[in-house]
C-alpha atoms as a PDB file:
ATOM      1  CA  MET A   1     150.623 114.772 -25.369  1.00  0.00           C
ATOM      2  CA  LEU A   2     147.281 116.541 -25.624  1.00  0.00           C
ATOM      3  CA  ARG A   3     144.359 114.867 -23.885  1.00  0.00           C
ATOM      4  CA  ALA A   4     140.575 115.157 -24.269  1.00  0.00           C
ATOM      5  CA  ASP A   5     138.941 116.320 -21.032  1.00  0.00           C
ATOM      6  CA  ALA A   6     135.626 115.695 -19.337  1.00  0.00           C
ATOM      7  CA  VAL A   7     134.442 112.714 -21.348  1.00  0.00           C
ATOM      8  CA  ARG A   8     131.036 111.305 -20.429  1.00  0.00           C
ATOM      9  CA  ARG A   9     128.651 108.761 -21.881  1.00  0.00           C
ATOM     10  CA  PHE A  10     124.996 109.510 -22.492  1.00  0.00           C
ATOM     11  CA  ALA A  11     122.017 107.756 -24.038  1.00  0.00           C
ATOM     12  CA  ILE A  12     120.311 108.937 -27.220  1.00  0.00           C
ATOM     13  CA  LYS A  13     116.945 107.960 -28.585  1.00  0.00           C
ATOM     14  CA  PRO A  14     117.066 107.215 -32.330  1.00  0.00           C
ATOM     15  CA  LEU A  15     116.096 103.718 -33.475  1.00  0.00           C
ATOM     16  CA  LEU A  16     118.525 100.976 -32.378  1.00  0.00           C
ATOM     17  CA  CYS A  17     120.876 103.471 -30.731  1.00  0.00           C
ATOM     18  CA  ALA A  18     122.577 102.565 -27.473  1.00  0.00           C
ATOM     19  CA  GLN A  19     125.029 105.304 -26.568  1.00  0.00           C
ATOM     20  CA  MET A  20     127.662 107.791 -27.660  1.00  0.00           C
ATOM     21  CA  VAL A  21     130.438 109.807 -26.070  1.00  0.00           C
ATOM     22  CA  MET A  22     130.319 113.532 -25.430  1.00  0.00           C
ATOM     23  CA  VAL A  23     133.709 115.223 -25.414  1.00  0.00           C
ATOM     24  CA  THR A  24     133.659 118.850 -24.321  1.00  0.00           C
ATOM     25  CA  LEU A  25     137.133 119.774 -25.601  1.00  0.00           C
ATOM     26  CA  LEU A  26     136.690 121.429 -28.996  1.00  0.00           C
ATOM     27  CA  ILE A  27     139.132 120.308 -31.662  1.00  0.00           C
ATOM     28  CA  ALA A  28     139.428 122.637 -34.630  1.00  0.00           C
ATOM     29  CA  PRO A  29     139.776 120.777 -37.924  1.00  0.00           C
ATOM     30  CA  CYS A  30     142.166 121.622 -40.683  1.00  0.00           C
ATOM     31  CA  THR A  31     142.548 120.010 -44.052  1.00  0.00           C
ATOM     32  CA  PHE A  32     145.329 118.176 -45.807  1.00  0.00           C
ATOM     33  CA  GLY A  33     145.824 117.547 -49.492  1.00  0.00           C
ATOM     34  CA  ALA A  34     143.608 115.047 -51.282  1.00  0.00           C
ATOM     35  CA  THR A  35     146.612 112.840 -52.116  1.00  0.00           C
ATOM     36  CA  GLU A  36     147.993 112.867 -48.568  1.00  0.00           C
ATOM     37  CA  VAL A  37     147.156 110.299 -45.914  1.00  0.00           C
ATOM     38  CA  ALA A  38     146.766 111.377 -42.312  1.00  0.00           C
ATOM     39  CA  HIS A  39     149.520 110.248 -39.967  1.00  0.00           C
ATOM     40  CA  LEU A  40     148.188 108.629 -36.815  1.00  0.00           C
ATOM     41  CA  GLN A  41     149.570 108.740 -33.308  1.00  0.00           C
ATOM     42  CA  MET A  42     150.488 105.251 -32.140  1.00  0.00           C
ATOM     43  CA  ARG A  43     151.802 103.854 -28.876  1.00  0.00           C
ATOM     44  CA  ILE A  44     153.712 100.622 -29.502  1.00  0.00           C
ATOM     45  CA  ALA A  45     154.639  98.165 -26.768  1.00  0.00           C
ATOM     46  CA  GLY A  46     156.018  94.637 -26.675  1.00  0.00           C
ATOM     47  CA  GLN A  47     157.160  92.358 -29.457  1.00  0.00           C
ATOM     48  CA  GLY A  48     156.118  89.133 -31.107  1.00  0.00           C
ATOM     49  CA  PRO A  49     155.095  87.516 -34.401  1.00  0.00           C
ATOM     50  CA  ARG A  50     151.628  89.060 -34.279  1.00  0.00           C
ATOM     51  CA  THR A  51     150.483  92.622 -33.645  1.00  0.00           C
ATOM     52  CA  VAL A  52     147.448  93.469 -31.520  1.00  0.00           C
ATOM     53  CA  VAL A  53     145.806  96.690 -32.764  1.00  0.00           C
ATOM     54  CA  LEU A  54     143.601  98.508 -30.228  1.00  0.00           C
ATOM     55  CA  ALA A  55     140.885 100.742 -31.745  1.00  0.00           C
ATOM     56  CA  ALA A  56     139.007 103.180 -29.485  1.00  0.00           C
ATOM     57  CA  GLY A  57     135.360 104.187 -29.590  1.00  0.00           C
ATOM     58  CA  LEU A  58     133.685 107.478 -30.413  1.00  0.00           C
ATOM     59  CA  GLY A  59     135.370 110.411 -28.679  1.00  0.00           C
ATOM     60  CA  ASP A  60     138.198 108.342 -27.186  1.00  0.00           C
ATOM     61  CA  THR A  61     141.928 108.351 -27.890  1.00  0.00           C
ATOM     62  CA  LEU A  62     144.587 105.681 -27.407  1.00  0.00           C
ATOM     63  CA  ASP A  63     144.539 106.519 -23.680  1.00  0.00           C
ATOM     64  CA  VAL A  64     141.407 104.416 -23.222  1.00  0.00           C
ATOM     65  CA  TRP A  65     143.685 101.368 -23.484  1.00  0.00           C
ATOM     66  CA  ASN A  66     146.188 102.503 -20.815  1.00  0.00           C
ATOM     67  CA  THR A  67     145.317  99.714 -18.395  1.00  0.00           C
ATOM     68  CA  VAL A  68     145.099  96.756 -20.758  1.00  0.00           C
ATOM     69  CA  GLN A  69     147.848  97.455 -23.303  1.00  0.00           C
ATOM     70  CA  PRO A  70     150.863  96.651 -21.099  1.00  0.00           C
ATOM     71  CA  LEU A  71     149.135  93.535 -19.781  1.00  0.00           C
ATOM     72  CA  ILE A  72     148.436  92.245 -23.292  1.00  0.00           C
ATOM     73  CA  SER A  73     152.003  92.860 -24.443  1.00  0.00           C
ATOM     74  CA  ASP A  74     153.657  91.421 -21.297  1.00  0.00           C
ATOM     75  CA  HIS A  75     155.961  88.602 -22.539  1.00  0.00           C
ATOM     76  CA  CYS A  76     153.442  88.067 -25.310  1.00  0.00           C
ATOM     77  CA  THR A  77     153.091  90.176 -28.417  1.00  0.00           C
ATOM     78  CA  ARG A  78     153.500  93.590 -29.980  1.00  0.00           C
ATOM     79  CA  THR A  79     150.574  95.902 -29.233  1.00  0.00           C
ATOM     80  CA  ILE A  80     149.543  99.160 -30.857  1.00  0.00           C
ATOM     81  CA  ALA A  81     147.069 101.627 -29.407  1.00  0.00           C
ATOM     82  CA  TYR A  82     146.276 104.494 -31.746  1.00  0.00           C
ATOM     83  CA  SER A  83     144.179 107.627 -32.134  1.00  0.00           C
ATOM     84  CA  ARG A  84     142.222 108.140 -35.326  1.00  0.00           C
ATOM     85  CA  ALA A  85     142.740 111.160 -37.568  1.00  0.00           C
ATOM     86  CA  GLY A  86     141.206 114.295 -36.114  1.00  0.00           C
ATOM     87  CA  TYR A  87     141.891 113.332 -32.491  1.00  0.00           C
ATOM     88  CA  PRO A  88     144.646 114.873 -30.331  1.00  0.00           C
ATOM     89  CA  GLY A  89     148.087 113.626 -31.337  1.00  0.00           C
ATOM     90  CA  SER A  90     147.088 112.525 -34.845  1.00  0.00           C
ATOM     91  CA  ASP A  91     146.793 114.592 -38.012  1.00  0.00           C
ATOM     92  CA  SER A  92     143.573 116.459 -38.598  1.00  0.00           C
ATOM     93  CA  ALA A  93     141.146 114.970 -41.078  1.00  0.00           C
ATOM     94  CA  ASP A  94     138.727 116.243 -43.667  1.00  0.00           C
ATOM     95  CA  GLY A  95     136.103 114.452 -45.686  1.00  0.00           C
ATOM     96  CA  ALA A  96     134.388 111.140 -45.013  1.00  0.00           C
ATOM     97  CA  ARG A  97     134.727 109.475 -41.613  1.00  0.00           C
ATOM     98  CA  ASP A  98     133.243 106.171 -42.643  1.00  0.00           C
ATOM     99  CA  ALA A  99     134.609 102.676 -42.061  1.00  0.00           C
ATOM    100  CA  ALA A 100     136.346 102.420 -45.436  1.00  0.00           C
ATOM    101  CA  THR A 101     138.239 105.690 -44.947  1.00  0.00           C
ATOM    102  CA  ILE A 102     139.209 105.018 -41.349  1.00  0.00           C
ATOM    103  CA  VAL A 103     140.445 101.487 -42.036  1.00  0.00           C
ATOM    104  CA  SER A 104     142.349 102.708 -45.094  1.00  0.00           C
ATOM    105  CA  GLU A 105     144.125 105.306 -42.948  1.00  0.00           C
ATOM    106  CA  LEU A 106     144.991 102.693 -40.329  1.00  0.00           C
ATOM    107  CA  ARG A 107     146.380 100.239 -42.876  1.00  0.00           C
ATOM    108  CA  ALA A 108     148.405 103.029 -44.521  1.00  0.00           C
ATOM    109  CA  GLU A 109     149.926 104.010 -41.175  1.00  0.00           C
ATOM    110  CA  LEU A 110     150.810 100.419 -40.319  1.00  0.00           C
ATOM    111  CA  LYS A 111     152.464 100.039 -43.724  1.00  0.00           C
ATOM    112  CA  ARG A 112     154.315 103.352 -43.350  1.00  0.00           C
ATOM    113  CA  ARG A 113     155.782 102.123 -40.063  1.00  0.00           C
ATOM    114  CA  GLY A 114     156.693  98.732 -41.513  1.00  0.00           C
ATOM    115  CA  ILE A 115     154.282  96.878 -39.221  1.00  0.00           C
ATOM    116  CA  LEU A 116     153.118  93.934 -41.289  1.00  0.00           C
ATOM    117  CA  PRO A 117     150.287  91.404 -40.756  1.00  0.00           C
ATOM    118  CA  PRO A 118     149.078  89.253 -39.160  1.00  0.00           C
ATOM    119  CA  TYR A 119     147.016  91.466 -36.858  1.00  0.00           C
ATOM    120  CA  ILE A 120     144.751  90.764 -33.916  1.00  0.00           C
ATOM    121  CA  LEU A 121     142.136  93.521 -33.991  1.00  0.00           C
ATOM    122  CA  VAL A 122     140.554  94.762 -30.759  1.00  0.00           C
ATOM    123  CA  GLY A 123     137.770  97.319 -31.201  1.00  0.00           C
ATOM    124  CA  HIS A 124     135.619  99.064 -28.612  1.00  0.00           C
ATOM    125  CA  SER A 125     132.201 100.548 -29.377  1.00  0.00           C
ATOM    126  CA  LEU A 126     132.328 102.426 -32.705  1.00  0.00           C
ATOM    127  CA  GLY A 127     135.942 101.281 -33.055  1.00  0.00           C
ATOM    128  CA  GLY A 128     134.545  97.753 -33.029  1.00  0.00           C
ATOM    129  CA  LEU A 129     132.391  98.562 -36.045  1.00  0.00           C
ATOM    130  CA  TYR A 130     135.476  99.770 -37.930  1.00  0.00           C
ATOM    131  CA  MET A 131     137.397  96.625 -36.958  1.00  0.00           C
ATOM    132  CA  GLN A 132     134.517  94.454 -38.207  1.00  0.00           C
ATOM    133  CA  TYR A 133     134.972  96.152 -41.584  1.00  0.00           C
ATOM    134  CA  PHE A 134     138.747  95.575 -41.471  1.00  0.00           C
ATOM    135  CA  ALA A 135     138.327  91.875 -40.686  1.00  0.00           C
ATOM    136  CA  ARG A 136     135.654  91.302 -43.332  1.00  0.00           C
ATOM    137  CA  GLN A 137     137.449  93.195 -46.093  1.00  0.00           C
ATOM    138  CA  PHE A 138     140.987  91.925 -45.399  1.00  0.00           C
ATOM    139  CA  PRO A 139     140.648  88.527 -43.668  1.00  0.00           C
ATOM    140  CA  GLN A 140     144.026  87.433 -45.054  1.00  0.00           C
ATOM    141  CA  GLU A 141     145.665  90.033 -42.784  1.00  0.00           C
ATOM    142  CA  ILE A 142     143.766  89.071 -39.633  1.00  0.00           C
ATOM    143  CA  ASP A 143     144.516  86.278 -37.151  1.00  0.00           C
ATOM    144  CA  GLY A 144     141.823  87.270 -34.672  1.00  0.00           C
ATOM    145  CA  LEU A 145     139.179  89.820 -33.692  1.00  0.00           C
ATOM    146  CA  VAL A 146     138.039  90.958 -30.232  1.00  0.00           C
ATOM    147  CA  LEU A 147     134.909  93.122 -30.127  1.00  0.00           C
ATOM    148  CA  VAL A 148     134.441  95.042 -26.866  1.00  0.00           C
ATOM    149  CA  ASP A 149     130.754  95.987 -26.551  1.00  0.00           C
ATOM    150  CA  SER A 150     130.933  96.837 -30.229  1.00  0.00           C
ATOM    151  CA  THR A 151     128.529  98.933 -32.248  1.00  0.00           C
ATOM    152  CA  HIS A 152     126.274  96.876 -34.527  1.00  0.00           C
ATOM    153  CA  TRP A 153     126.228  97.665 -38.255  1.00  0.00           C
ATOM    154  CA  ASN A 154     122.554  98.665 -38.006  1.00  0.00           C
ATOM    155  CA  GLN A 155     122.796 100.588 -34.749  1.00  0.00           C
ATOM    156  CA  GLN A 156     122.337 103.888 -36.571  1.00  0.00           C
ATOM    157  CA  LEU A 157     124.322 106.182 -34.311  1.00  0.00           C
ATOM    158  CA  GLN A 158     123.677 108.997 -36.769  1.00  0.00           C
ATOM    159  CA  LEU A 159     122.079 111.929 -34.961  1.00  0.00           C
ATOM    160  CA  GLY A 160     122.974 114.916 -37.089  1.00  0.00           C
ATOM    161  CA  LEU A 161     122.127 118.536 -36.402  1.00  0.00           C
ATOM    162  CA  GLN A 162     118.793 118.359 -38.195  1.00  0.00           C
ATOM    163  CA  GLY A 163     117.773 115.241 -36.321  1.00  0.00           C
ATOM    164  CA  ALA A 164     118.574 116.642 -32.894  1.00  0.00           C
ATOM    165  CA  GLY A 165     115.311 117.421 -31.174  1.00  0.00           C
ATOM    166  CA  GLY A 166     114.423 118.774 -27.771  1.00  0.00           C
ATOM    167  CA  ASN A 167     115.676 117.996 -24.272  1.00  0.00           C
ATOM    168  CA  GLY A 168     119.117 119.419 -24.969  1.00  0.00           C
ATOM    169  CA  GLN A 169     120.137 117.117 -27.825  1.00  0.00           C
ATOM    170  CA  HIS A 170     120.668 120.034 -30.207  1.00  0.00           C
ATOM    171  CA  LEU A 171     123.061 121.750 -27.795  1.00  0.00           C
ATOM    172  CA  ILE A 172     124.841 118.454 -27.109  1.00  0.00           C
ATOM    173  CA  VAL A 173     125.558 117.955 -30.794  1.00  0.00           C
ATOM    174  CA  LEU A 174     126.731 121.557 -31.232  1.00  0.00           C
ATOM    175  CA  SER A 175     129.135 121.207 -28.285  1.00  0.00           C
ATOM    176  CA  MET A 176     130.806 118.116 -29.708  1.00  0.00           C
ATOM    177  CA  PRO A 177     134.250 118.340 -31.276  1.00  0.00           C
ATOM    178  CA  TRP A 178     134.184 118.479 -35.056  1.00  0.00           C
ATOM    179  CA  ILE A 179     135.700 115.008 -35.441  1.00  0.00           C
ATOM    180  CA  VAL A 180     133.152 113.417 -33.093  1.00  0.00           C
ATOM    181  CA  ARG A 181     130.288 114.988 -35.029  1.00  0.00           C
ATOM    182  CA  ARG A 182     131.765 113.757 -38.316  1.00  0.00           C
ATOM    183  CA  GLU A 183     132.198 110.198 -37.064  1.00  0.00           C
ATOM    184  CA  LEU A 184     128.704 110.275 -35.597  1.00  0.00           C
ATOM    185  CA  ASN A 185     127.171 111.587 -38.813  1.00  0.00           C
ATOM    186  CA  ASP A 186     129.009 108.979 -40.912  1.00  0.00           C
ATOM    187  CA  SER A 187     128.306 106.053 -38.579  1.00  0.00           C
ATOM    188  CA  ALA A 188     125.226 104.957 -40.549  1.00  0.00           C
ATOM    189  CA  VAL A 189     127.332 104.860 -43.743  1.00  0.00           C
ATOM    190  CA  ALA A 190     129.992 102.912 -41.859  1.00  0.00           C
ATOM    191  CA  GLY A 191     127.327 100.422 -40.820  1.00  0.00           C
ATOM    192  CA  GLU A 192     126.171 100.012 -44.414  1.00  0.00           C
ATOM    193  CA  GLN A 193     129.753  99.372 -45.488  1.00  0.00           C
ATOM    194  CA  VAL A 194     130.122  96.632 -42.877  1.00  0.00           C
ATOM    195  CA  HIS A 195     126.803  95.076 -43.868  1.00  0.00           C
ATOM    196  CA  ASP A 196     127.781  95.113 -47.550  1.00  0.00           C
ATOM    197  CA  SER A 197     131.208  93.580 -46.876  1.00  0.00           C
ATOM    198  CA  PRO A 198     131.995  89.915 -47.597  1.00  0.00           C
ATOM    199  CA  LEU A 199     131.016  87.393 -44.970  1.00  0.00           C
ATOM    200  CA  ALA A 200     133.430  87.202 -42.069  1.00  0.00           C
ATOM    201  CA  GLY A 201     134.549  83.653 -42.732  1.00  0.00           C
ATOM    202  CA  ASN A 202     136.614  81.803 -40.163  1.00  0.00           C
ATOM    203  CA  VAL A 203     138.406  84.687 -38.465  1.00  0.00           C
ATOM    204  CA  PRO A 204     138.665  83.640 -34.779  1.00  0.00           C
ATOM    205  CA  THR A 205     136.477  86.129 -32.943  1.00  0.00           C
ATOM    206  CA  ILE A 206     135.564  86.861 -29.318  1.00  0.00           C
ATOM    207  CA  VAL A 207     132.550  89.120 -28.754  1.00  0.00           C
ATOM    208  CA  LEU A 208     132.577  90.717 -25.286  1.00  0.00           C
ATOM    209  CA  SER A 209     129.272  92.300 -24.203  1.00  0.00           C
ATOM    210  CA  ARG A 210     128.349  94.368 -21.174  1.00  0.00           C
ATOM    211  CA  THR A 211     125.827  93.131 -18.617  1.00  0.00           C
ATOM    212  CA  ARG A 212     125.038  96.406 -16.823  1.00  0.00           C
ATOM    213  CA  ALA A 213     122.379  98.745 -18.160  1.00  0.00           C
ATOM    214  CA  LEU A 214     123.389 102.199 -19.318  1.00  0.00           C
ATOM    215  CA  HIS A 215     122.156 105.308 -17.540  1.00  0.00           C
ATOM    216  CA  GLY A 216     118.607 105.955 -18.740  1.00  0.00           C
ATOM    217  CA  GLU A 217     118.339 102.662 -20.613  1.00  0.00           C
ATOM    218  CA  THR A 218     114.794 101.286 -20.636  1.00  0.00           C
ATOM    219  CA  PRO A 219     113.945  97.576 -20.383  1.00  0.00           C
ATOM    220  CA  ALA A 220     112.949  97.629 -24.066  1.00  0.00           C
ATOM    221  CA  SER A 221     116.170  99.294 -25.227  1.00  0.00           C
ATOM    222  CA  ARG A 222     118.161  96.889 -23.048  1.00  0.00           C
ATOM    223  CA  VAL A 223     116.521  93.940 -24.813  1.00  0.00           C
ATOM    224  CA  THR A 224     117.422  95.546 -28.150  1.00  0.00           C
ATOM    225  CA  ALA A 225     121.031  96.048 -27.064  1.00  0.00           C
ATOM    226  CA  VAL A 226     121.343  92.392 -26.056  1.00  0.00           C
ATOM    227  CA  SER A 227     119.828  91.306 -29.368  1.00  0.00           C
ATOM    228  CA  LEU A 228     122.308  93.439 -31.319  1.00  0.00           C
ATOM    229  CA  GLN A 229     125.255  91.855 -29.522  1.00  0.00           C
ATOM    230  CA  ASP A 230     123.889  88.390 -30.273  1.00  0.00           C
ATOM    231  CA  ASP A 231     123.537  89.426 -33.903  1.00  0.00           C
ATOM    232  CA  ILE A 232     127.155  90.597 -34.079  1.00  0.00           C
ATOM    233  CA  ALA A 233     128.336  87.223 -32.794  1.00  0.00           C
ATOM    234  CA  ALA A 234     126.137  85.442 -35.338  1.00  0.00           C
ATOM    235  CA  ASP A 235     127.771  87.448 -38.152  1.00  0.00           C
ATOM    236  CA  PHE A 236     131.129  85.820 -37.369  1.00  0.00           C
ATOM    237  CA  PRO A 237     130.948  82.012 -37.781  1.00  0.00           C
ATOM    238  CA  ALA A 238     134.063  81.434 -35.667  1.00  0.00           C
ATOM    239  CA  ALA A 239     132.869  83.689 -32.831  1.00  0.00           C
ATOM    240  CA  ARG A 240     132.541  82.993 -29.121  1.00  0.00           C
ATOM    241  CA  HIS A 241     130.143  85.330 -27.322  1.00  0.00           C
ATOM    242  CA  VAL A 242     130.924  86.254 -23.702  1.00  0.00           C
ATOM    243  CA  ASN A 243     128.532  88.306 -21.580  1.00  0.00           C
ATOM    244  CA  VAL A 244     130.939  89.898 -19.110  1.00  0.00           C
ATOM    245  CA  ASP A 245     129.606  90.021 -15.555  1.00  0.00           C
ATOM    246  CA  ALA A 246     129.738  93.325 -13.661  1.00  0.00           C
ATOM    247  CA  SER A 247     130.664  95.319 -16.741  1.00  0.00           C
ATOM    248  CA  GLY A 248     129.349  98.487 -18.298  1.00  0.00           C
ATOM    249  CA  HIS A 249     130.107  99.769 -21.779  1.00  0.00           C
ATOM    250  CA  TYR A 250     133.817 100.263 -20.962  1.00  0.00           C
ATOM    251  CA  ILE A 251     134.638  96.620 -20.319  1.00  0.00           C
ATOM    252  CA  GLN A 252     138.352  97.431 -20.662  1.00  0.00           C
ATOM    253  CA  ARG A 253     138.014  99.552 -17.505  1.00  0.00           C
ATOM    254  CA  ASP A 254     135.425  97.568 -15.528  1.00  0.00           C
ATOM    255  CA  ARG A 255     136.865  94.110 -16.268  1.00  0.00           C
ATOM    256  CA  PRO A 256     140.270  94.680 -17.899  1.00  0.00           C
ATOM    257  CA  GLU A 257     141.375  91.118 -17.207  1.00  0.00           C
ATOM    258  CA  VAL A 258     138.674  89.795 -19.554  1.00  0.00           C
ATOM    259  CA  VAL A 259     139.838  91.970 -22.456  1.00  0.00           C
ATOM    260  CA  VAL A 260     143.471  91.084 -21.752  1.00  0.00           C
ATOM    261  CA  ALA A 261     142.719  87.359 -21.681  1.00  0.00           C
ATOM    262  CA  ALA A 262     140.770  87.514 -24.955  1.00  0.00           C
ATOM    263  CA  ALA A 263     143.514  89.398 -26.812  1.00  0.00           C
ATOM    264  CA  ARG A 264     146.284  87.176 -25.451  1.00  0.00           C
ATOM    265  CA  GLU A 265     144.356  84.022 -26.338  1.00  0.00           C
ATOM    266  CA  LEU A 266     143.960  85.055 -29.968  1.00  0.00           C
ATOM    267  CA  ALA A 267     147.596  86.183 -30.094  1.00  0.00           C
ATOM    268  CA  GLY A 268     148.642  82.687 -28.976  1.00  0.00           C
ATOM    269  CA  CYS A 269     150.142  83.799 -25.673  1.00  0.00           C
ATOM    270  CA  THR A 270     150.370  82.086 -22.315  1.00  0.00           C
ATOM    271  CA  PRO A 271     147.747  83.385 -19.853  1.00  0.00           C
ATOM    272  CA  LEU A 272     149.209  85.806 -17.341  1.00  0.00           C
ATOM    273  CA  LEU A 273     148.257  83.679 -14.333  1.00  0.00           C
ATOM    274  CA  ALA A 274     149.760  80.555 -15.888  1.00  0.00           C
ATOM    275  CA  LYS A 275     152.951  82.432 -16.757  1.00  0.00           C
ATOM    276  CA  ARG A 276     153.358  83.635 -13.190  1.00  0.00           C
END
């Protein structure tokens, strides 16, 4: 399976922006017919009455869930980690990369494989924004939602080539893979779609937030980041907000046991420690 190399996180300066991923492997896009739906690479493990769907952040593939996926599925539930269209292993994509398109592609792939609801959605970073849209648009399909340091609907990750100023930002954007640039450019639209979606209702939700500052994060931007996470939790009436000690943006790597416990709880599984 192809892998994206040399992935690093970096801070950017636009209003309400926290971070994004830079991936130095260039992925050349190609198009598919307007009536076709992109097929997505999925890694499926475990079995059970519910399905936990793991959605990665900007620039990441299903491999970002390598540590937590087998622990979530262990004597518990079916789990699916997947890579969005345009990323290695999945079909290439053309056109909009907003929340509505990305969730539509995911639901089509689940249907094509005969994987029916209910789903427990787990979304990291920008993937969390997409999963917020999924849960708010199709609550009848969702039994739970775990947001892992998720992007806020008004975080405005959009940078765009015209908006890239000095200090190397222009070159950073140009060096990004096509799919990362498209998702980045459409992230503001994705946020608007989440904001305009129906209220979340009573979908059981666990919001996991980092406690460590990002590289280059100022005290003011840190306060903003904390406020955005509080706001996400407030958007979901049935949410529990957990500030995860000793964790950076990749909570699934820094504190994998917290992500595993959250997903297993919402899937109705016995905690790993209790089981053993």
